[in-house]
């Protein structure tokens, strides 16, 4: 298997206790420190992104949300004026 090229670098400072704990955990997991930290950081990054990407709400809240989306919007005077301007022809 070919090695993956990783051109970007992230540096982090740790205490002596954190260093020892991370090294021990990496060794117990049979991984390099880099591999261990990268796996842990990637897992946490996915978790944070997934938590904020999905919108979770109760059925009642969703019903109010859908009703608000379905309601007719109010015109924005600046946008009405903008759309009345002549179009610029495509190049």
Protein backbone atom coordinates (compact mmCIF):
# COMPACT_ATOMS: atom_id res chain seq x y z
CA UNK A 1 0.00 0.00 0.00
CA UNK A 2 1.36 3.42 -0.96
CA UNK A 3 1.93 5.95 1.79
CA UNK A 4 -0.54 8.82 1.91
CA UNK A 5 1.03 12.21 1.29
CA UNK A 6 0.11 14.77 3.92
CA UNK A 7 1.46 18.15 2.86
CA UNK A 8 -0.17 20.14 5.68
CA UNK A 9 1.07 20.30 9.24
CA UNK A 10 -0.57 21.10 12.59
CA UNK A 11 1.68 21.72 15.58
CA UNK A 12 0.43 21.44 19.13
CA UNK A 13 2.10 22.00 22.49
CA UNK A 14 1.31 19.61 25.32
CA UNK A 15 2.23 19.21 28.96
CA UNK A 16 4.52 16.39 30.08
CA UNK A 17 1.50 14.55 31.49
CA UNK A 18 -0.46 14.88 28.25
CA UNK A 19 2.56 13.71 26.25
CA UNK A 20 2.99 10.62 28.42
CA UNK A 21 -0.71 9.75 28.31
CA UNK A 22 -0.95 10.18 24.53
CA UNK A 23 2.19 8.11 23.93
CA UNK A 24 0.95 5.35 26.22
CA UNK A 25 -2.48 5.28 24.58
CA UNK A 26 -0.95 5.23 21.09
CA UNK A 27 1.32 2.34 22.05
CA UNK A 28 -1.59 0.41 23.58
CA UNK A 29 -3.60 0.99 20.40
CA UNK A 30 -0.66 -0.16 18.27
CA UNK A 31 -0.44 3.18 16.50
CA UNK A 32 2.10 5.90 16.04
CA UNK A 33 1.50 9.07 18.03
CA UNK A 34 0.73 10.88 14.77
CA UNK A 35 -1.74 8.21 13.68
CA UNK A 36 -3.38 8.13 17.12
CA UNK A 37 -3.78 11.90 17.31
CA UNK A 38 -4.99 12.15 13.72
CA UNK A 39 -7.62 9.43 14.26
CA UNK A 40 -8.84 11.07 17.49
CA UNK A 41 -8.96 14.55 15.98
CA UNK A 42 -10.71 13.34 12.84
CA UNK A 43 -13.32 11.42 14.86
CA UNK A 44 -14.03 14.49 17.02
CA UNK A 45 -14.13 16.81 13.99
CA UNK A 46 -16.71 14.58 12.28
CA UNK A 47 -18.76 14.45 15.48
CA UNK A 48 -18.81 18.26 15.85
CA UNK A 49 -19.64 18.80 12.17
CA UNK A 50 -22.42 16.20 12.24
CA UNK A 51 -23.93 17.74 15.41
CA UNK A 52 -24.17 21.14 13.77
CA UNK A 53 -25.08 20.01 10.27
CA UNK A 54 -28.30 18.23 11.25
CA UNK A 55 -31.27 20.14 12.59
CA UNK A 56 -33.09 18.11 15.23
CA UNK A 57 -36.45 19.24 16.60
CA UNK A 58 -39.70 17.88 17.99
CA UNK A 59 -42.67 17.20 15.71
CA UNK A 60 -44.48 20.25 17.09
CA UNK A 61 -41.49 22.49 16.48
CA UNK A 62 -41.04 21.06 12.99
CA UNK A 63 -44.72 21.75 12.23
CA UNK A 64 -44.27 25.41 13.24
CA UNK A 65 -41.03 25.58 11.25
CA UNK A 66 -42.67 24.12 8.11
CA UNK A 67 -45.64 26.47 8.52
CA UNK A 68 -43.30 29.46 8.67
CA UNK A 69 -41.48 28.27 5.54
CA UNK A 70 -44.77 27.78 3.68
CA UNK A 71 -46.17 31.18 4.65
CA UNK A 72 -45.97 33.87 1.97
CA UNK A 73 -42.98 36.12 2.35
CA UNK A 74 -43.00 39.88 2.64
CA UNK A 75 -41.46 41.89 -0.17
CA UNK A 76 -38.10 43.52 0.57
CA UNK A 77 -38.23 47.02 -0.99
CA UNK A 78 -34.53 47.00 -1.87
CA UNK A 79 -34.87 43.70 -3.74
CA UNK A 80 -38.00 44.88 -5.56
CA UNK A 81 -36.07 47.94 -6.71
CA UNK A 82 -33.09 45.81 -7.72
CA UNK A 83 -35.21 43.51 -9.88
CA UNK A 84 -36.73 46.53 -11.65
CA UNK A 85 -33.31 47.60 -12.93
CA UNK A 86 -32.38 46.71 -16.50
CA UNK A 87 -30.50 43.43 -16.88
CA UNK A 88 -26.85 43.40 -17.84
CA UNK A 89 -26.39 41.22 -20.93
CA UNK A 90 -24.23 38.12 -20.54
CA UNK A 91 -20.79 38.36 -22.08
